[in-house]
Amino acid sequence: MRVLVVTSLYPPHALGGYEKSCQDVVDRWIARGHEVDVLTTSTRFADLDEVGGVDDADQPHVRRTLEWYWANHQILRPGVRRRIAIERGNQHKLGELLEQRRPDVVSFWAMGGMSLGLITTCIERTYPLALVMEDDWLVYAPEVDGWTSSWSRRPRWLRDVASQLLG
């Protein structure tokens, strides 16, 4: 089976148990012969020497290319142009990986501060989804996603038009 995992952080660049749980599951899937790709943010916390010397070269299945609305323990509220760039960039990175790898399932993990439109794209493309919740990110994620939160109080028709115009 081909699995795409999408998450905000992934070891060794991690804050705690959520990311380690994700890595444990990914390692077990790989050990059982599944093809797994991890799509995560480019956030890095420490020098590799401080986190055990693990380098991305040691994890070719991990792609640290997404951007998110979080830095240094702060929720970011960038301007409209920057939000559009983040959303389009993340959609492009997801789309490329979906086309290249054609996963059988997409597993979403910690999505607080992330582009929730990534989930929408997978739903629209009819990928089976597995959402993993170790906290209440389904509750708070819409408020900390800089794109989703900026449209949540607008009329539905306007959101639909903007979605078509902005991609």
N, C-alpha and C. Protein backbone atom coordinates (compact mmCIF):
# COMPACT_ATOMS: atom_id res chain seq x y z
N MET A 1 0.84 -1.17 0.00
CA MET A 1 0.00 0.00 0.00
C MET A 1 0.90 1.24 0.00
N ARG A 2 0.46 2.27 -0.71
CA ARG A 2 1.16 3.55 -0.74
C ARG A 2 0.41 4.54 0.15
N VAL A 3 1.14 5.10 1.12
CA VAL A 3 0.54 6.01 2.11
C VAL A 3 1.25 7.35 2.03
N LEU A 4 0.46 8.41 2.02
CA LEU A 4 1.00 9.75 2.15
C LEU A 4 0.59 10.27 3.52
N VAL A 5 1.57 10.67 4.31
CA VAL A 5 1.33 11.25 5.63
C VAL A 5 1.57 12.75 5.52
N VAL A 6 0.61 13.54 5.99
CA VAL A 6 0.75 15.00 6.01
C VAL A 6 0.67 15.44 7.47
N THR A 7 1.67 16.19 7.91
CA THR A 7 1.73 16.60 9.31
C THR A 7 2.55 17.88 9.44
N SER A 8 2.35 18.58 10.53
CA SER A 8 3.05 19.86 10.72
C SER A 8 4.53 19.67 11.03
N LEU A 9 4.86 18.75 11.88
CA LEU A 9 6.25 18.51 12.28
C LEU A 9 6.53 17.03 12.22
N TYR A 10 7.81 16.70 12.01
CA TYR A 10 8.20 15.30 11.94
C TYR A 10 9.62 15.18 12.46
N PRO A 11 9.89 14.19 13.31
CA PRO A 11 11.22 14.05 13.89
C PRO A 11 12.33 13.96 12.83
N PRO A 12 13.49 14.47 13.17
CA PRO A 12 13.90 14.87 14.51
C PRO A 12 13.45 16.27 14.91
N HIS A 13 12.86 17.01 14.02
CA HIS A 13 12.40 18.37 14.33
C HIS A 13 10.98 18.29 14.85
N ALA A 14 10.88 18.14 16.16
CA ALA A 14 9.59 17.84 16.78
C ALA A 14 9.49 18.54 18.13
N LEU A 15 8.26 18.68 18.59
CA LEU A 15 8.01 19.28 19.91
C LEU A 15 7.70 18.24 20.97
N GLY A 16 7.19 17.07 20.55
CA GLY A 16 6.82 16.10 21.58
C GLY A 16 6.27 14.81 21.05
N GLY A 17 5.32 14.27 21.81
CA GLY A 17 4.81 12.94 21.57
C GLY A 17 4.02 12.77 20.28
N TYR A 18 3.30 13.81 19.87
CA TYR A 18 2.50 13.70 18.65
C TYR A 18 3.38 13.31 17.47
N GLU A 19 4.47 14.04 17.30
CA GLU A 19 5.37 13.78 16.18
C GLU A 19 6.05 12.42 16.30
N LYS A 20 6.40 12.05 17.53
CA LYS A 20 7.04 10.75 17.74
C LYS A 20 6.07 9.61 17.47
N SER A 21 4.80 9.80 17.83
CA SER A 21 3.78 8.79 17.51
C SER A 21 3.65 8.63 16.01
N CYS A 22 3.65 9.74 15.31
CA CYS A 22 3.56 9.70 13.85
C CYS A 22 4.74 8.93 13.27
N GLN A 23 5.93 9.26 13.73
CA GLN A 23 7.12 8.57 13.24
C GLN A 23 7.07 7.08 13.55
N ASP A 24 6.59 6.72 14.73
CA ASP A 24 6.48 5.31 15.11
C ASP A 24 5.56 4.57 14.14
N VAL A 25 4.43 5.17 13.82
CA VAL A 25 3.49 4.54 12.88
C VAL A 25 4.12 4.44 11.50
N VAL A 26 4.75 5.52 11.04
CA VAL A 26 5.41 5.49 9.73
C VAL A 26 6.46 4.40 9.69
N ASP A 27 7.29 4.30 10.71
CA ASP A 27 8.34 3.27 10.75
C ASP A 27 7.73 1.87 10.71
N ARG A 28 6.62 1.67 11.39
CA ARG A 28 5.97 0.35 11.40
C ARG A 28 5.38 0.03 10.02
N TRP A 29 4.78 1.04 9.37
CA TRP A 29 4.25 0.80 8.03
C TRP A 29 5.38 0.41 7.07
N ILE A 30 6.48 1.15 7.15
CA ILE A 30 7.62 0.86 6.27
C ILE A 30 8.16 -0.54 6.55
N ALA A 31 8.28 -0.90 7.83
CA ALA A 31 8.78 -2.24 8.21
C ALA A 31 7.88 -3.34 7.67
N ARG A 32 6.61 -3.04 7.49
CA ARG A 32 5.65 -4.03 6.96
C ARG A 32 5.57 -4.01 5.43
N GLY A 33 6.45 -3.22 4.81
CA GLY A 33 6.54 -3.23 3.36
C GLY A 33 5.70 -2.18 2.64
N HIS A 34 5.06 -1.27 3.36
CA HIS A 34 4.28 -0.23 2.72
C HIS A 34 5.21 0.88 2.23
N GLU A 35 4.81 1.53 1.16
CA GLU A 35 5.54 2.70 0.65
C GLU A 35 4.93 3.93 1.31
N VAL A 36 5.75 4.66 2.07
CA VAL A 36 5.25 5.80 2.83
C VAL A 36 6.04 7.05 2.47
N ASP A 37 5.32 8.12 2.21
CA ASP A 37 5.92 9.44 2.04
C ASP A 37 5.36 10.35 3.12
N VAL A 38 6.21 11.19 3.68
CA VAL A 38 5.79 12.16 4.69
C VAL A 38 5.97 13.55 4.11
N LEU A 39 4.90 14.32 4.11
CA LEU A 39 4.94 15.70 3.66
C LEU A 39 4.73 16.57 4.90
N THR A 40 5.74 17.37 5.23
CA THR A 40 5.70 18.16 6.46
C THR A 40 6.29 19.54 6.20
N THR A 41 6.31 20.36 7.24
CA THR A 41 6.82 21.72 7.09
C THR A 41 8.34 21.74 7.10
N SER A 42 8.86 22.86 6.68
CA SER A 42 10.31 23.04 6.64
C SER A 42 10.87 23.47 8.00
N THR A 43 10.05 23.52 9.02
CA THR A 43 10.48 23.96 10.36
C THR A 43 11.57 23.06 10.91
N ARG A 44 12.62 23.70 11.40
CA ARG A 44 13.71 23.00 12.04
C ARG A 44 13.96 23.67 13.39
N PHE A 45 14.24 22.87 14.42
CA PHE A 45 14.41 23.41 15.76
C PHE A 45 15.84 23.47 16.25
N ALA A 46 16.69 22.54 15.80
CA ALA A 46 18.02 22.46 16.38
C ALA A 46 19.01 21.93 15.35
N ASP A 47 20.28 22.09 15.68
CA ASP A 47 21.30 21.47 14.86
C ASP A 47 21.15 19.96 14.93
N LEU A 48 21.50 19.29 13.85
CA LEU A 48 21.35 17.83 13.82
C LEU A 48 22.15 17.14 14.91
N ASP A 49 23.28 17.70 15.29
CA ASP A 49 24.07 17.08 16.35
C ASP A 49 23.30 17.04 17.66
N GLU A 50 22.45 18.05 17.90
CA GLU A 50 21.69 18.11 19.14
C GLU A 50 20.53 17.13 19.16
N VAL A 51 20.06 16.71 17.99
CA VAL A 51 18.89 15.83 17.94
C VAL A 51 19.24 14.42 17.50
N GLY A 52 20.49 14.06 17.62
CA GLY A 52 20.86 12.68 17.37
C GLY A 52 21.48 12.41 16.02
N GLY A 53 21.84 13.44 15.27
CA GLY A 53 22.54 13.24 14.02
C GLY A 53 21.71 12.72 12.87
N VAL A 54 20.38 12.69 13.01
CA VAL A 54 19.52 12.22 11.93
C VAL A 54 19.39 13.32 10.90
N ASP A 55 19.68 13.00 9.69
CA ASP A 55 19.63 13.97 8.59
C ASP A 55 18.54 13.55 7.63
N ASP A 56 18.00 14.50 6.89
CA ASP A 56 16.97 14.14 5.90
C ASP A 56 17.49 13.14 4.88
N ALA A 57 18.79 13.12 4.66
CA ALA A 57 19.36 12.13 3.75
C ALA A 57 19.13 10.71 4.28
N ASP A 58 18.99 10.59 5.60
CA ASP A 58 18.70 9.31 6.23
C ASP A 58 17.22 8.95 6.15
N GLN A 59 16.40 9.92 5.72
CA GLN A 59 14.95 9.73 5.63
C GLN A 59 14.47 10.19 4.26
N PRO A 60 14.79 9.47 3.20
CA PRO A 60 14.41 9.94 1.85
C PRO A 60 12.91 10.01 1.62
N HIS A 61 12.13 9.39 2.49
CA HIS A 61 10.66 9.42 2.36
C HIS A 61 10.06 10.69 2.96
N VAL A 62 10.88 11.53 3.60
CA VAL A 62 10.39 12.75 4.26
C VAL A 62 10.67 13.96 3.39
N ARG A 63 9.62 14.71 3.12
CA ARG A 63 9.75 15.95 2.33
C ARG A 63 9.34 17.12 3.23
N ARG A 64 10.31 17.95 3.56
CA ARG A 64 10.09 19.10 4.44
C ARG A 64 9.92 20.36 3.60
N THR A 65 8.75 20.48 2.97
CA THR A 65 8.58 21.57 2.01
C THR A 65 7.37 22.46 2.26
N LEU A 66 6.48 22.07 3.15
CA LEU A 66 5.28 22.87 3.38
C LEU A 66 5.58 24.10 4.24
N GLU A 67 4.77 25.11 4.07
CA GLU A 67 4.81 26.28 4.94
C GLU A 67 3.55 26.27 5.79
N TRP A 68 3.63 26.93 6.94
CA TRP A 68 2.46 26.99 7.80
C TRP A 68 2.38 28.30 8.53
N TYR A 69 1.32 28.47 9.29
CA TYR A 69 1.03 29.73 9.97
C TYR A 69 1.51 29.69 11.42
N TRP A 70 2.75 29.29 11.62
CA TRP A 70 3.31 29.14 12.95
C TRP A 70 4.82 29.31 12.87
N ALA A 71 5.39 30.00 13.85
CA ALA A 71 6.85 30.11 13.98
C ALA A 71 7.17 30.52 15.41
N ASN A 72 8.16 29.88 15.97
CA ASN A 72 8.62 30.23 17.32
C ASN A 72 7.48 30.30 18.34
N HIS A 73 6.60 29.32 18.28
CA HIS A 73 5.48 29.20 19.22
C HIS A 73 4.47 30.34 19.11
N GLN A 74 4.39 30.94 17.93
CA GLN A 74 3.45 32.02 17.68
C GLN A 74 2.63 31.70 16.42
N ILE A 75 1.34 31.98 16.47
CA ILE A 75 0.49 31.86 15.29
C ILE A 75 0.76 33.08 14.42
N LEU A 76 0.99 32.86 13.15
CA LEU A 76 1.29 33.95 12.22
C LEU A 76 0.03 34.41 11.50
N ARG A 77 -0.06 35.68 11.25
CA ARG A 77 -1.17 36.28 10.49
C ARG A 77 -0.57 37.13 9.36
N PRO A 78 -0.02 36.47 8.34
CA PRO A 78 0.58 37.25 7.25
C PRO A 78 -0.47 37.97 6.43
N GLY A 79 -0.01 38.92 5.62
CA GLY A 79 -0.91 39.65 4.75
C GLY A 79 -1.51 38.74 3.68
N VAL A 80 -2.47 39.29 2.96
CA VAL A 80 -3.23 38.52 1.96
C VAL A 80 -2.31 37.92 0.91
N ARG A 81 -1.41 38.69 0.36
CA ARG A 81 -0.51 38.16 -0.69
C ARG A 81 0.32 37.00 -0.17
N ARG A 82 0.82 37.13 1.03
CA ARG A 82 1.64 36.05 1.61
C ARG A 82 0.79 34.81 1.86
N ARG A 83 -0.44 35.01 2.33
CA ARG A 83 -1.33 33.86 2.55
C ARG A 83 -1.63 33.14 1.24
N ILE A 84 -1.88 33.91 0.18
CA ILE A 84 -2.12 33.30 -1.13
C ILE A 84 -0.90 32.51 -1.57
N ALA A 85 0.28 33.08 -1.38
CA ALA A 85 1.52 32.38 -1.76
C ALA A 85 1.70 31.09 -0.97
N ILE A 86 1.41 31.13 0.33
CA ILE A 86 1.53 29.92 1.16
C ILE A 86 0.55 28.85 0.66
N GLU A 87 -0.70 29.25 0.46
CA GLU A 87 -1.72 28.29 0.04
C GLU A 87 -1.41 27.69 -1.32
N ARG A 88 -1.07 28.54 -2.28
CA ARG A 88 -0.75 28.03 -3.63
C ARG A 88 0.49 27.14 -3.59
N GLY A 89 1.50 27.56 -2.84
CA GLY A 89 2.71 26.75 -2.74
C GLY A 89 2.44 25.39 -2.13
N ASN A 90 1.68 25.37 -1.04
CA ASN A 90 1.36 24.09 -0.39
C ASN A 90 0.51 23.21 -1.29
N GLN A 91 -0.45 23.80 -1.98
CA GLN A 91 -1.28 23.03 -2.91
C GLN A 91 -0.44 22.44 -4.03
N HIS A 92 0.49 23.22 -4.53
CA HIS A 92 1.37 22.74 -5.61
C HIS A 92 2.22 21.56 -5.12
N LYS A 93 2.78 21.69 -3.92
CA LYS A 93 3.63 20.62 -3.38
C LYS A 93 2.82 19.35 -3.13
N LEU A 94 1.61 19.51 -2.61
CA LEU A 94 0.74 18.34 -2.42
C LEU A 94 0.38 17.73 -3.77
N GLY A 95 -0.04 18.56 -4.71
CA GLY A 95 -0.45 18.07 -6.02
C GLY A 95 0.65 17.29 -6.72
N GLU A 96 1.87 17.81 -6.66
CA GLU A 96 3.01 17.11 -7.27
C GLU A 96 3.20 15.73 -6.65
N LEU A 97 3.14 15.67 -5.34
CA LEU A 97 3.35 14.39 -4.66
C LEU A 97 2.22 13.42 -4.94
N LEU A 98 0.99 13.90 -4.99
CA LEU A 98 -0.13 13.03 -5.33
C LEU A 98 0.03 12.46 -6.73
N GLU A 99 0.46 13.29 -7.67
CA GLU A 99 0.66 12.83 -9.05
C GLU A 99 1.82 11.84 -9.16
N GLN A 100 2.92 12.14 -8.47
CA GLN A 100 4.10 11.28 -8.55
C GLN A 100 3.90 9.94 -7.86
N ARG A 101 3.34 9.97 -6.67
CA ARG A 101 3.28 8.76 -5.85
C ARG A 101 1.94 8.03 -5.89
N ARG A 102 0.87 8.73 -6.23
CA ARG A 102 -0.47 8.14 -6.32
C ARG A 102 -0.77 7.25 -5.10
N PRO A 103 -0.86 7.87 -3.92
CA PRO A 103 -1.09 7.07 -2.71
C PRO A 103 -2.45 6.39 -2.71
N ASP A 104 -2.52 5.30 -1.98
CA ASP A 104 -3.79 4.60 -1.78
C ASP A 104 -4.61 5.25 -0.68
N VAL A 105 -3.93 5.92 0.24
CA VAL A 105 -4.59 6.61 1.35
C VAL A 105 -3.72 7.79 1.77
N VAL A 106 -4.38 8.84 2.26
CA VAL A 106 -3.67 9.99 2.81
C VAL A 106 -4.00 10.07 4.29
N SER A 107 -2.98 10.12 5.12
CA SER A 107 -3.13 10.16 6.57
C SER A 107 -2.71 11.54 7.07
N PHE A 108 -3.67 12.28 7.62
CA PHE A 108 -3.40 13.61 8.17
C PHE A 108 -3.21 13.49 9.67
N TRP A 109 -2.12 14.10 10.16
CA TRP A 109 -1.81 14.07 11.58
C TRP A 109 -2.02 15.46 12.15
N ALA A 110 -1.02 16.05 12.78
CA ALA A 110 -1.15 17.34 13.44
C ALA A 110 -1.30 18.44 12.39
N MET A 111 -2.50 19.02 12.28
CA MET A 111 -2.76 20.01 11.24
C MET A 111 -3.05 21.40 11.80
N GLY A 112 -2.86 21.63 13.08
CA GLY A 112 -3.05 22.96 13.64
C GLY A 112 -2.02 23.92 13.05
N GLY A 113 -2.49 25.04 12.51
CA GLY A 113 -1.61 26.01 11.88
C GLY A 113 -1.27 25.70 10.45
N MET A 114 -1.82 24.60 9.96
CA MET A 114 -1.54 24.15 8.59
C MET A 114 -2.63 24.61 7.64
N SER A 115 -2.36 24.45 6.35
CA SER A 115 -3.34 24.73 5.30
C SER A 115 -4.39 23.63 5.29
N LEU A 116 -5.56 23.90 5.82
CA LEU A 116 -6.61 22.89 5.83
C LEU A 116 -7.13 22.60 4.42
N GLY A 117 -6.84 23.49 3.49
CA GLY A 117 -7.19 23.24 2.10
C GLY A 117 -6.53 21.99 1.55
N LEU A 118 -5.46 21.53 2.17
CA LEU A 118 -4.81 20.28 1.74
C LEU A 118 -5.76 19.11 1.94
N ILE A 119 -6.50 19.14 3.05
CA ILE A 119 -7.49 18.09 3.30
C ILE A 119 -8.60 18.17 2.26
N THR A 120 -9.08 19.39 2.01
CA THR A 120 -10.14 19.60 1.02
C THR A 120 -9.72 19.06 -0.34
N THR A 121 -8.49 19.33 -0.74
CA THR A 121 -8.00 18.85 -2.04
C THR A 121 -8.05 17.33 -2.11
N CYS A 122 -7.63 16.66 -1.05
CA CYS A 122 -7.66 15.19 -1.06
C CYS A 122 -9.08 14.66 -1.09
N ILE A 123 -9.99 15.35 -0.40
CA ILE A 123 -11.40 14.95 -0.45
C ILE A 123 -11.94 15.12 -1.86
N GLU A 124 -11.66 16.28 -2.47
CA GLU A 124 -12.16 16.55 -3.83
C GLU A 124 -11.59 15.56 -4.84
N ARG A 125 -10.39 15.08 -4.61
CA ARG A 125 -9.77 14.10 -5.51
C ARG A 125 -10.13 12.67 -5.11
N THR A 126 -11.00 12.52 -4.17
CA THR A 126 -11.57 11.26 -3.68
C THR A 126 -10.54 10.27 -3.12
N TYR A 127 -9.50 10.79 -2.50
CA TYR A 127 -8.57 9.91 -1.80
C TYR A 127 -9.18 9.45 -0.48
N PRO A 128 -9.03 8.19 -0.14
CA PRO A 128 -9.42 7.78 1.21
C PRO A 128 -8.54 8.49 2.23
N LEU A 129 -9.13 8.93 3.33
CA LEU A 129 -8.40 9.69 4.34
C LEU A 129 -8.42 8.95 5.67
N ALA A 130 -7.33 9.14 6.42
CA ALA A 130 -7.27 8.72 7.81
C ALA A 130 -6.77 9.92 8.60
N LEU A 131 -7.62 10.49 9.44
CA LEU A 131 -7.25 11.63 10.26
C LEU A 131 -6.91 11.12 11.65
N VAL A 132 -5.74 11.51 12.13
CA VAL A 132 -5.28 11.06 13.45
C VAL A 132 -5.36 12.24 14.40
N MET A 133 -6.06 12.05 15.50
CA MET A 133 -6.22 13.10 16.48
C MET A 133 -5.63 12.68 17.81
N GLU A 134 -4.58 13.37 18.21
CA GLU A 134 -4.03 13.17 19.55
C GLU A 134 -4.22 14.44 20.37
N ASP A 135 -4.81 15.44 19.74
CA ASP A 135 -5.27 16.63 20.44
C ASP A 135 -6.51 17.11 19.70
N ASP A 136 -7.00 18.28 20.01
CA ASP A 136 -8.25 18.74 19.39
C ASP A 136 -8.02 19.64 18.18
N TRP A 137 -7.09 19.26 17.30
CA TRP A 137 -6.78 20.11 16.14
C TRP A 137 -7.97 20.32 15.22
N LEU A 138 -8.90 19.39 15.19
CA LEU A 138 -10.09 19.61 14.36
C LEU A 138 -10.91 20.80 14.87
N VAL A 139 -10.80 21.08 16.16
CA VAL A 139 -11.54 22.20 16.75
C VAL A 139 -10.79 23.52 16.52
N TYR A 140 -9.49 23.57 16.84
CA TYR A 140 -8.78 24.84 16.77
C TYR A 140 -8.14 25.13 15.43
N ALA A 141 -7.94 24.14 14.59
CA ALA A 141 -7.24 24.34 13.31
C ALA A 141 -7.88 25.41 12.42
N PRO A 142 -9.20 25.46 12.28
CA PRO A 142 -9.77 26.50 11.42
C PRO A 142 -9.46 27.93 11.88
N GLU A 143 -9.24 28.12 13.18
CA GLU A 143 -8.93 29.45 13.68
C GLU A 143 -7.46 29.82 13.51
N VAL A 144 -6.57 28.83 13.47
CA VAL A 144 -5.14 29.12 13.34
C VAL A 144 -4.61 28.92 11.93
N ASP A 145 -5.45 28.46 11.03
CA ASP A 145 -5.10 28.41 9.61
C ASP A 145 -5.37 29.82 9.07
N GLY A 146 -4.30 30.52 8.71
CA GLY A 146 -4.44 31.91 8.27
C GLY A 146 -5.35 32.10 7.09
N TRP A 147 -5.48 31.11 6.26
CA TRP A 147 -6.35 31.22 5.08
C TRP A 147 -7.81 30.94 5.47
N THR A 148 -8.04 29.81 6.08
CA THR A 148 -9.41 29.43 6.46
C THR A 148 -10.04 30.46 7.38
N SER A 149 -9.29 30.91 8.37
CA SER A 149 -9.85 31.87 9.34
C SER A 149 -10.21 33.19 8.67
N SER A 150 -9.47 33.58 7.64
CA SER A 150 -9.77 34.86 6.99
C SER A 150 -11.04 34.79 6.15
N TRP A 151 -11.51 33.60 5.83
CA TRP A 151 -12.72 33.45 5.02
C TRP A 151 -13.91 32.94 5.81
N SER A 152 -13.72 32.54 7.04
CA SER A 152 -14.78 31.87 7.78
C SER A 152 -16.01 32.75 8.04
N ARG A 153 -15.83 34.04 8.10
CA ARG A 153 -16.97 34.92 8.38
C ARG A 153 -17.54 35.57 7.11
N ARG A 154 -17.06 35.16 5.99
CA ARG A 154 -17.54 35.71 4.72
C ARG A 154 -18.67 34.83 4.18
N PRO A 155 -19.52 35.39 3.33
CA PRO A 155 -20.61 34.58 2.75
C PRO A 155 -20.06 33.41 1.92
N ARG A 156 -20.79 32.33 1.95
CA ARG A 156 -20.38 31.11 1.23
C ARG A 156 -20.12 31.38 -0.24
N TRP A 157 -20.99 32.15 -0.89
CA TRP A 157 -20.83 32.42 -2.31
C TRP A 157 -19.51 33.14 -2.59
N LEU A 158 -19.10 34.04 -1.69
CA LEU A 158 -17.85 34.77 -1.87
C LEU A 158 -16.66 33.84 -1.71
N ARG A 159 -16.74 32.92 -0.75
CA ARG A 159 -15.67 31.93 -0.56
C ARG A 159 -15.54 31.07 -1.79
N ASP A 160 -16.67 30.66 -2.38
CA ASP A 160 -16.65 29.82 -3.58
C ASP A 160 -16.03 30.56 -4.76
N VAL A 161 -16.40 31.82 -4.94
CA VAL A 161 -15.84 32.63 -6.03
C VAL A 161 -14.33 32.80 -5.83
N ALA A 162 -13.93 33.14 -4.61
CA ALA A 162 -12.51 33.32 -4.32
C ALA A 162 -11.73 32.03 -4.55
N SER A 163 -12.32 30.92 -4.18
CA SER A 163 -11.66 29.62 -4.39
C SER A 163 -11.41 29.38 -5.87
N GLN A 164 -12.39 29.70 -6.70
CA GLN A 164 -12.23 29.51 -8.14
C GLN A 164 -11.20 30.48 -8.72
N LEU A 165 -11.23 31.72 -8.28
CA LEU A 165 -10.32 32.74 -8.81
C LEU A 165 -8.88 32.55 -8.35
N LEU A 166 -8.71 32.17 -7.08
CA LEU A 166 -7.38 32.11 -6.49
C LEU A 166 -6.76 30.72 -6.54
N GLY A 167 -7.55 29.72 -6.90
CA GLY A 167 -6.98 28.37 -6.96
C GLY A 167 -6.76 27.80 -5.60
